[in-house]
């Protein structure tokens, strides 16, 4: 029986290594799955963000979720497009969440419903043109934010991407069955090890059995819950994935002095939505350094973000902090539950 316990241990270790490898590969493929290109020649023009998908709708298309973070990502997108200014808390401000949002004079005509509602929450009725803080926004305009979040979810539902918007269905993958089988094998091995323990120590076999159970649980997580997507939704998702792949492959030599500002503004909010903001900023900072070496200036002005930082990395970190602070306030205000 001692031999059997060692067999269970070695089997547990081998299955655990295989399961972790499969999980990492599957996760990487899910994050970088591009749309197929039927030809060998790449298109001349880089793909832009699909017009039907705002940065706040990206995650909804990819995994079926709409959360408060997507609402605040929309605020950044509106600022980039000239509707708002964003100012971080002052160094001596006791309220470290006191971000100031200022409405510009640009009209809201042509915006989506949730963008218009969200923009209206930043208008100070008592002092037209005066900025509002993120803290006061969450306290005084919580209902408006909840309405905007509900409208964002409604926009996703009306986009026709899913067969049953709001209903999640299990993907048809074998991982739940495989993982369940591995778990059953682990439980059976644990039972056999305990029986064998009457004649000796069962801990070696129990360790292998535990690895089998944990490996089964890990494999089961590969079966995700996701809304059933329509053909139109699948086409749009492939466009988004193709755009993300291009954004991941963006290089400093792709950025010229003439196109730098437009490229930065156009792709900043999508980079934040995809979680690619750090690499995105590094590419622009590298391009700016190269231009300085050539005696040229690369103008990437973000007048809407009131920060003395000139490098892209510092400004992106500031925007990440804005999103994190906004989400923390939204969690305290139960904004997600209020919008349901």
Foldseek 3Di string as FASTA:
>chain_A
DVVLLLVLLVVLVVLLVVLVVVLVVLVVCLLQVAFDDPDPDDDPDAAFQPPLADLLCLCCLSFNDHDLLSLVLLVVLCLLVPQWFWEADDPPDPPRQFIWIWGDPDDPPPDQPLSVLSSVLQADPVDGRGTGGLLVSCVPVLVSSLQSSLSSLVSSVVVQFFPDRPDWDKDPDCLLVVLVVLLVVLVVQLVVLVVVCVVHNSVSSNNSSVSSNVSSVSSNPSTDIGGHTDPVSVVSSNSLSNNVNVLVVDALVVDDLVCNQVVCSRCQSNCVSSVNQQVNQVRPQVNQVVQVVVVHGRDHDSPSYPDPDDRSNVVSVVSVVSSVSSVVSCVVSVSVVSSD
